[in-house]
Amino acid sequence: MKSLQTFLGMMVLLCLAVPLLAQKRDDPLTQEEVDQLRDSAVEPEPRMKLYVEFARARLVKLEQMRSDPKVTDRPHQTHNMLEEFLTIYNELNDNLDNFEGRKADLRKALKHVVEGDTEFQAKLRAIKSDPRSAKEEAKQYEFVLSNAIETVDSGADDHRKLLAEQDEIWKHRKKGKS
């Protein structure tokens, strides 16, 4: 009887522990960044500006790390920082989709995003063509870098199209009100 109680007790603890482990998520955003996003949850322009700013900060941090001669695990850190950038960039896209679904005016927000896209494309390509990277090192982050470049290229195209659509939609709405 005692061993059955012990077994059941262990099973209950295990059942409680599994969801806690599943909840642990590597969120690249700091608590301060999360708070800033929470404060800008309603309006697309400030929210998209923040996402662009956060993605930019990750690429700046990546550039600084890659040029620091004291860094010993450059390929691994490059991989992780590219993943952080990509996670933030994907969140940006998800938020744009949500705002678009609400029929929000995204023109100002998209201008910031398109500018960010252009900057991100240049920085990611600079990493790819960096002559300081040894081939063996580059293999460790090659996939995530290619994925980031493809994602930003695709996103940039989508964002430009969406901006053109938004310009057209809001032009007609203004004419209808006149």
Foldseek 3Di string as FASTA:
>chain_A
DVVVVVVVVVVVVVVVVVVVVVPDDPQLDDPVLVVQLVVVVPDLQSNLLSLLVVLVVLLVVLVVQVPDPVDDLNLVVNQVSLVNSVVSVVVSVVSVVVCVVVVHLCQNSLVSVLVSLVVQLVSLVCVVPPPVDDPVSCVSRVVSSVVSNVVSVVVNVVSVVVNVVSVVVVVVVVVVVD
